[in-house]
Amino acid sequence: LYIGLQMSRTIGYAIFFYTNLAGILLLTALIVGRWLPYFSYRQSGQAWSGSHRLVTFVIVSILAVVTLPAHAPTILSLQFAAGLLYLGARAHKPIRQLVKEARFYRTA
């Protein structure tokens, strides 16, 4: 039920504004990024400690890489770049924390 509510809440943007593939990818990532913390909470019974903004940024990046060969002009458009830049700016703290806590192993 929750994902249906998130879809109907987010798809309102697509109804009122012209949406191309870039907008659909951004809205899909937003829906899934909001749904994953709820799903994790429902499965484990504990609050999700991750950042939904980071998840949204990662999902839209993966979707962009997957759809790039078929729809390169749309993915390389200014509209998509602006959306990706906005999501990256919103997720800058979790990205910085992730890089700070990452451990890089050296191979001998």
N, C-alpha and C. Protein backbone atom coordinates (compact mmCIF):
# COMPACT_ATOMS: atom_id res chain seq x y z
N LEU A 1 0.82 -1.20 0.00
CA LEU A 1 0.00 0.00 0.00
C LEU A 1 0.87 1.26 0.00
N TYR A 2 1.98 1.21 0.73
CA TYR A 2 2.83 2.40 0.84
C TYR A 2 3.41 2.81 -0.50
N ILE A 3 3.89 1.82 -1.26
CA ILE A 3 4.49 2.16 -2.56
C ILE A 3 3.42 2.74 -3.50
N GLY A 4 2.20 2.26 -3.41
CA GLY A 4 1.11 2.82 -4.21
C GLY A 4 0.84 4.27 -3.86
N LEU A 5 0.88 4.57 -2.57
CA LEU A 5 0.68 5.96 -2.14
C LEU A 5 1.83 6.85 -2.60
N GLN A 6 3.06 6.34 -2.51
CA GLN A 6 4.20 7.13 -2.97
C GLN A 6 4.14 7.36 -4.48
N MET A 7 3.70 6.33 -5.22
CA MET A 7 3.57 6.48 -6.67
C MET A 7 2.54 7.53 -7.02
N SER A 8 1.38 7.47 -6.36
CA SER A 8 0.34 8.45 -6.69
C SER A 8 0.75 9.86 -6.27
N ARG A 9 1.51 9.97 -5.20
CA ARG A 9 1.98 11.28 -4.76
C ARG A 9 3.00 11.86 -5.74
N THR A 10 3.89 11.03 -6.23
CA THR A 10 4.96 11.49 -7.10
C THR A 10 4.51 11.64 -8.55
N ILE A 11 3.61 10.80 -8.99
CA ILE A 11 3.17 10.86 -10.39
C ILE A 11 2.36 12.12 -10.67
N GLY A 12 1.95 12.81 -9.65
CA GLY A 12 1.28 14.08 -9.85
C GLY A 12 2.13 15.06 -10.64
N TYR A 13 3.45 14.99 -10.46
CA TYR A 13 4.35 15.84 -11.24
C TYR A 13 4.26 15.51 -12.72
N ALA A 14 4.19 14.23 -13.03
CA ALA A 14 4.13 13.81 -14.43
C ALA A 14 2.80 14.20 -15.07
N ILE A 15 1.77 14.31 -14.28
CA ILE A 15 0.46 14.68 -14.82
C ILE A 15 0.42 16.15 -15.20
N PHE A 16 1.00 17.01 -14.35
CA PHE A 16 0.90 18.44 -14.58
C PHE A 16 2.01 19.03 -15.43
N PHE A 17 3.12 18.32 -15.56
CA PHE A 17 4.24 18.83 -16.33
C PHE A 17 4.62 17.84 -17.41
N TYR A 18 5.20 18.37 -18.49
CA TYR A 18 5.70 17.51 -19.56
C TYR A 18 6.86 16.69 -19.00
N THR A 19 6.81 15.40 -19.20
CA THR A 19 7.84 14.51 -18.67
C THR A 19 8.39 13.63 -19.78
N ASN A 20 9.70 13.67 -19.96
CA ASN A 20 10.34 12.77 -20.90
C ASN A 20 11.00 11.64 -20.12
N LEU A 21 11.84 10.88 -20.76
CA LEU A 21 12.48 9.74 -20.12
C LEU A 21 13.32 10.16 -18.90
N ALA A 22 13.99 11.29 -19.00
CA ALA A 22 14.80 11.76 -17.88
C ALA A 22 13.94 12.01 -16.65
N GLY A 23 12.80 12.64 -16.84
CA GLY A 23 11.89 12.88 -15.73
C GLY A 23 11.32 11.60 -15.16
N ILE A 24 11.03 10.65 -16.02
CA ILE A 24 10.50 9.36 -15.55
C ILE A 24 11.55 8.64 -14.72
N LEU A 25 12.80 8.65 -15.15
CA LEU A 25 13.87 8.03 -14.38
C LEU A 25 14.03 8.69 -13.02
N LEU A 26 14.00 10.01 -12.99
CA LEU A 26 14.13 10.74 -11.73
C LEU A 26 12.96 10.45 -10.79
N LEU A 27 11.75 10.43 -11.32
CA LEU A 27 10.58 10.14 -10.49
C LEU A 27 10.59 8.69 -9.99
N THR A 28 11.02 7.75 -10.84
CA THR A 28 11.11 6.35 -10.41
C THR A 28 12.11 6.20 -9.28
N ALA A 29 13.26 6.83 -9.41
CA ALA A 29 14.26 6.76 -8.34
C ALA A 29 13.74 7.40 -7.06
N LEU A 30 12.99 8.47 -7.17
CA LEU A 30 12.42 9.12 -5.99
C LEU A 30 11.42 8.20 -5.29
N ILE A 31 10.59 7.52 -6.05
CA ILE A 31 9.61 6.60 -5.48
C ILE A 31 10.32 5.46 -4.75
N VAL A 32 11.28 4.84 -5.41
CA VAL A 32 11.98 3.71 -4.80
C VAL A 32 12.82 4.17 -3.61
N GLY A 33 13.43 5.34 -3.70
CA GLY A 33 14.22 5.87 -2.59
C GLY A 33 13.38 6.16 -1.36
N ARG A 34 12.14 6.52 -1.55
CA ARG A 34 11.24 6.73 -0.40
C ARG A 34 10.67 5.41 0.11
N TRP A 35 10.55 4.43 -0.76
CA TRP A 35 9.93 3.17 -0.38
C TRP A 35 10.89 2.25 0.37
N LEU A 36 12.17 2.24 0.01
CA LEU A 36 13.13 1.33 0.63
C LEU A 36 13.25 1.48 2.14
N PRO A 37 13.31 2.70 2.71
CA PRO A 37 13.36 2.79 4.18
C PRO A 37 12.10 2.21 4.84
N TYR A 38 10.95 2.43 4.24
CA TYR A 38 9.72 1.87 4.79
C TYR A 38 9.74 0.35 4.71
N PHE A 39 10.17 -0.19 3.58
CA PHE A 39 10.24 -1.64 3.41
C PHE A 39 11.21 -2.25 4.41
N SER A 40 12.35 -1.61 4.60
CA SER A 40 13.34 -2.10 5.56
C SER A 40 12.76 -2.09 6.97
N TYR A 41 12.05 -1.04 7.31
CA TYR A 41 11.43 -0.95 8.64
C TYR A 41 10.38 -2.05 8.83
N ARG A 42 9.57 -2.29 7.81
CA ARG A 42 8.52 -3.31 7.91
C ARG A 42 9.10 -4.71 8.03
N GLN A 43 10.24 -4.94 7.40
CA GLN A 43 10.85 -6.27 7.43
C GLN A 43 11.64 -6.51 8.72
N SER A 44 12.35 -5.51 9.20
CA SER A 44 13.21 -5.72 10.37
C SER A 44 12.60 -5.23 11.68
N GLY A 45 11.66 -4.31 11.61
CA GLY A 45 11.07 -3.76 12.82
C GLY A 45 11.90 -2.67 13.46
N GLN A 46 13.00 -2.31 12.82
CA GLN A 46 13.87 -1.25 13.33
C GLN A 46 13.92 -0.10 12.33
N ALA A 47 14.16 1.08 12.86
CA ALA A 47 14.26 2.25 11.99
C ALA A 47 15.46 2.10 11.07
N TRP A 48 15.30 2.55 9.85
CA TRP A 48 16.36 2.45 8.84
C TRP A 48 17.37 3.56 9.09
N SER A 49 18.63 3.22 9.19
CA SER A 49 19.64 4.21 9.52
C SER A 49 20.28 4.85 8.28
N GLY A 50 19.96 4.36 7.11
CA GLY A 50 20.54 4.89 5.88
C GLY A 50 19.87 6.18 5.43
N SER A 51 20.39 6.74 4.39
CA SER A 51 19.86 7.97 3.84
C SER A 51 19.07 7.67 2.57
N HIS A 52 17.80 8.05 2.56
CA HIS A 52 17.01 7.81 1.35
C HIS A 52 17.48 8.71 0.21
N ARG A 53 18.11 9.81 0.53
CA ARG A 53 18.64 10.68 -0.52
C ARG A 53 19.81 10.02 -1.25
N LEU A 54 20.66 9.35 -0.50
CA LEU A 54 21.76 8.62 -1.12
C LEU A 54 21.25 7.48 -1.97
N VAL A 55 20.24 6.77 -1.48
CA VAL A 55 19.65 5.66 -2.24
C VAL A 55 19.03 6.18 -3.53
N THR A 56 18.34 7.30 -3.47
CA THR A 56 17.74 7.89 -4.66
C THR A 56 18.81 8.27 -5.67
N PHE A 57 19.90 8.87 -5.21
CA PHE A 57 20.99 9.26 -6.09
C PHE A 57 21.63 8.03 -6.75
N VAL A 58 21.84 6.98 -5.99
CA VAL A 58 22.43 5.76 -6.53
C VAL A 58 21.50 5.11 -7.55
N ILE A 59 20.21 5.05 -7.23
CA ILE A 59 19.25 4.41 -8.14
C ILE A 59 19.15 5.17 -9.45
N VAL A 60 19.08 6.49 -9.40
CA VAL A 60 18.99 7.25 -10.64
C VAL A 60 20.28 7.13 -11.44
N SER A 61 21.41 7.01 -10.77
CA SER A 61 22.68 6.82 -11.48
C SER A 61 22.71 5.46 -12.18
N ILE A 62 22.24 4.43 -11.50
CA ILE A 62 22.18 3.10 -12.11
C ILE A 62 21.22 3.08 -13.29
N LEU A 63 20.04 3.68 -13.12
CA LEU A 63 19.07 3.74 -14.21
C LEU A 63 19.64 4.51 -15.41
N ALA A 64 20.40 5.55 -15.15
CA ALA A 64 21.00 6.33 -16.24
C ALA A 64 22.02 5.49 -17.00
N VAL A 65 22.84 4.75 -16.30
CA VAL A 65 23.84 3.91 -16.96
C VAL A 65 23.17 2.82 -17.78
N VAL A 66 22.10 2.25 -17.24
CA VAL A 66 21.40 1.16 -17.95
C VAL A 66 20.72 1.68 -19.21
N THR A 67 20.12 2.85 -19.15
CA THR A 67 19.38 3.38 -20.30
C THR A 67 20.24 4.22 -21.24
N LEU A 68 21.47 4.49 -20.89
CA LEU A 68 22.33 5.34 -21.72
C LEU A 68 22.53 4.81 -23.14
N PRO A 69 22.79 3.52 -23.36
CA PRO A 69 23.01 3.07 -24.74
C PRO A 69 21.80 3.29 -25.65
N ALA A 70 20.61 3.14 -25.11
CA ALA A 70 19.41 3.26 -25.95
C ALA A 70 18.90 4.70 -26.07
N HIS A 71 19.14 5.51 -25.05
CA HIS A 71 18.58 6.86 -25.03
C HIS A 71 19.63 7.89 -24.63
N ALA A 72 20.75 7.88 -25.28
CA ALA A 72 21.87 8.78 -24.93
C ALA A 72 21.50 10.26 -24.98
N PRO A 73 20.79 10.75 -26.01
CA PRO A 73 20.49 12.19 -26.02
C PRO A 73 19.65 12.64 -24.83
N THR A 74 18.74 11.79 -24.39
CA THR A 74 17.91 12.17 -23.24
C THR A 74 18.71 12.15 -21.95
N ILE A 75 19.54 11.14 -21.78
CA ILE A 75 20.31 11.02 -20.55
C ILE A 75 21.39 12.10 -20.48
N LEU A 76 21.91 12.52 -21.61
CA LEU A 76 22.94 13.55 -21.63
C LEU A 76 22.37 14.95 -21.77
N SER A 77 21.08 15.12 -21.53
CA SER A 77 20.44 16.42 -21.65
C SER A 77 20.68 17.28 -20.41
N LEU A 78 20.43 18.56 -20.56
CA LEU A 78 20.57 19.49 -19.43
C LEU A 78 19.52 19.22 -18.35
N GLN A 79 18.35 18.78 -18.76
CA GLN A 79 17.29 18.49 -17.79
C GLN A 79 17.73 17.37 -16.85
N PHE A 80 18.27 16.31 -17.41
CA PHE A 80 18.71 15.20 -16.58
C PHE A 80 19.92 15.60 -15.74
N ALA A 81 20.83 16.37 -16.31
CA ALA A 81 22.00 16.83 -15.56
C ALA A 81 21.58 17.70 -14.38
N ALA A 82 20.58 18.55 -14.58
CA ALA A 82 20.09 19.39 -13.48
C ALA A 82 19.47 18.53 -12.39
N GLY A 83 18.69 17.53 -12.78
CA GLY A 83 18.09 16.63 -11.78
C GLY A 83 19.14 15.84 -11.02
N LEU A 84 20.14 15.34 -11.73
CA LEU A 84 21.21 14.58 -11.09
C LEU A 84 22.05 15.47 -10.18
N LEU A 85 22.30 16.69 -10.61
CA LEU A 85 23.04 17.65 -9.79
C LEU A 85 22.26 17.98 -8.51
N TYR A 86 20.95 18.15 -8.64
CA TYR A 86 20.11 18.42 -7.48
C TYR A 86 20.14 17.26 -6.50
N LEU A 87 19.99 16.03 -7.01
CA LEU A 87 20.03 14.87 -6.14
C LEU A 87 21.40 14.70 -5.49
N GLY A 88 22.46 14.99 -6.23
CA GLY A 88 23.80 14.91 -5.68
C GLY A 88 24.03 15.95 -4.59
N ALA A 89 23.49 17.14 -4.79
CA ALA A 89 23.60 18.18 -3.76
C ALA A 89 22.82 17.80 -2.51
N ARG A 90 21.67 17.17 -2.70
CA ARG A 90 20.88 16.74 -1.54
C ARG A 90 21.53 15.59 -0.79
N ALA A 91 22.33 14.79 -1.49
CA ALA A 91 22.95 13.62 -0.88
C ALA A 91 24.43 13.84 -0.55
N HIS A 92 24.88 15.09 -0.52
CA HIS A 92 26.31 15.31 -0.34
C HIS A 92 26.81 14.88 1.04
N LYS A 93 26.01 15.05 2.08
CA LYS A 93 26.46 14.63 3.41
C LYS A 93 26.61 13.11 3.52
N PRO A 94 25.60 12.32 3.09
CA PRO A 94 25.80 10.87 3.15
C PRO A 94 26.93 10.38 2.24
N ILE A 95 27.13 11.04 1.08
CA ILE A 95 28.23 10.64 0.20
C ILE A 95 29.56 10.92 0.88
N ARG A 96 29.68 12.08 1.50
CA ARG A 96 30.90 12.43 2.20
C ARG A 96 31.17 11.47 3.36
N GLN A 97 30.13 11.11 4.10
CA GLN A 97 30.26 10.17 5.20
C GLN A 97 30.67 8.79 4.70
N LEU A 98 30.09 8.37 3.58
CA LEU A 98 30.42 7.07 3.01
C LEU A 98 31.88 7.01 2.57
N VAL A 99 32.36 8.06 1.94
CA VAL A 99 33.75 8.11 1.50
C VAL A 99 34.68 8.17 2.71
N LYS A 100 34.28 8.89 3.74
CA LYS A 100 35.09 9.02 4.94
C LYS A 100 35.24 7.68 5.66
N GLU A 101 34.17 6.89 5.68
CA GLU A 101 34.19 5.61 6.39
C GLU A 101 34.67 4.45 5.53
N ALA A 102 34.86 4.69 4.26
CA ALA A 102 35.29 3.60 3.37
C ALA A 102 36.71 3.18 3.72
N ARG A 103 36.93 1.90 3.64
CA ARG A 103 38.26 1.37 3.90
C ARG A 103 38.80 0.82 2.59
N PHE A 104 39.93 1.31 2.23
CA PHE A 104 40.55 0.87 0.99
C PHE A 104 41.67 -0.10 1.35
N TYR A 105 41.56 -1.30 0.83
CA TYR A 105 42.52 -2.33 1.13
C TYR A 105 43.59 -2.38 0.05
N ARG A 106 44.83 -2.54 0.48
CA ARG A 106 45.94 -2.68 -0.44
C ARG A 106 46.23 -4.16 -0.64
N THR A 107 46.48 -4.51 -1.85
CA THR A 107 46.88 -5.88 -2.12
C THR A 107 48.39 -5.95 -2.19
N ALA A 108 48.94 -6.96 -1.61
CA ALA A 108 50.39 -7.09 -1.58
C ALA A 108 50.94 -7.73 -2.81
